[in-house]
Amino acid sequence: MEMEWVKIFEASEELQVELARQLLERIEINSVIFNKQDRVYKFGGIELYVHRDNAILAKQALKDI
């Protein structure tokens, strides 16, 4: 069965995305980080994805911080 992932957060700073990922981990929501940022020129974003079943809970958890 293929999992469906939903982007719930994006930032230009890796630290912001990692902190969001750790918060979701504390409330037992698995997440994946996709770094689409160019390494040299630092343009583009770093995105955080969760399974679609957890998207609403994850967005609410991140909204509260």
Protein backbone atom coordinates (compact mmCIF):
# COMPACT_ATOMS: atom_id res chain seq x y z
CA MET A 1 0.00 0.00 0.00
CA GLU A 2 1.40 3.34 -1.04
CA MET A 3 1.31 6.13 1.53
CA GLU A 4 0.06 9.54 0.55
CA TRP A 5 2.09 12.45 1.91
CA VAL A 6 0.92 16.04 2.38
CA LYS A 7 3.14 19.11 2.71
CA ILE A 8 2.30 20.86 5.96
CA PHE A 9 5.23 23.22 6.48
CA GLU A 10 7.90 24.98 4.43
CA ALA A 11 10.75 27.29 5.40
CA SER A 12 14.03 28.56 4.02
CA GLU A 13 15.90 27.72 7.23
CA GLU A 14 16.72 24.07 7.93
CA LEU A 15 16.58 24.66 11.69
CA GLN A 16 12.92 25.77 11.55
CA VAL A 17 11.89 22.64 9.67
CA GLU A 18 13.89 20.38 11.97
CA LEU A 19 12.26 21.92 15.05
CA ALA A 20 8.83 21.36 13.50
CA ARG A 21 9.77 17.73 12.74
CA GLN A 22 10.89 17.18 16.34
CA LEU A 23 7.66 18.63 17.69
CA LEU A 24 5.64 16.24 15.54
CA GLU A 25 7.85 13.36 16.65
CA ARG A 26 7.02 14.15 20.30
CA ILE A 27 3.32 13.70 19.57
CA GLU A 28 4.05 10.52 17.60
CA ILE A 29 3.46 11.83 14.09
CA ASN A 30 5.95 10.54 11.52
CA SER A 31 7.22 13.15 9.09
CA VAL A 32 9.68 13.47 6.23
CA ILE A 33 11.85 16.44 5.28
CA PHE A 34 12.51 17.22 1.61
CA ASN A 35 15.29 19.71 1.10
CA LYS A 36 14.68 21.39 -2.26
CA GLN A 37 17.10 24.20 -1.48
CA ASP A 38 20.07 24.87 -3.73
CA ARG A 39 23.19 24.22 -1.65
CA VAL A 40 25.28 26.98 -3.21
CA TYR A 41 22.88 29.88 -3.66
CA LYS A 42 20.41 28.95 -0.87
CA PHE A 43 17.25 29.55 -2.89
CA GLY A 44 14.30 27.21 -2.73
CA GLY A 45 12.55 25.73 0.26
CA ILE A 46 12.80 22.95 2.76
CA GLU A 47 9.49 21.11 3.10
CA LEU A 48 7.97 18.93 5.80
CA TYR A 49 5.49 16.21 4.86
CA VAL A 50 3.21 13.94 6.91
CA HIS A 51 0.82 11.15 6.01
CA ARG A 52 -2.53 12.56 4.93
CA ASP A 53 -4.31 10.93 7.89
CA ASN A 54 -2.19 13.04 10.27
CA ALA A 55 -2.24 16.30 8.32
CA ILE A 56 -4.94 18.11 10.32
CA LEU A 57 -3.46 17.19 13.70
CA ALA A 58 0.04 18.11 12.54
CA LYS A 59 -1.03 21.50 11.15
CA GLN A 60 -2.82 22.29 14.38
CA ALA A 61 0.21 21.32 16.47
CA LEU A 62 2.47 23.55 14.39
CA LYS A 63 -0.04 26.39 14.46
CA ASP A 64 0.05 26.45 18.25
CA ILE A 65 3.77 27.24 18.38
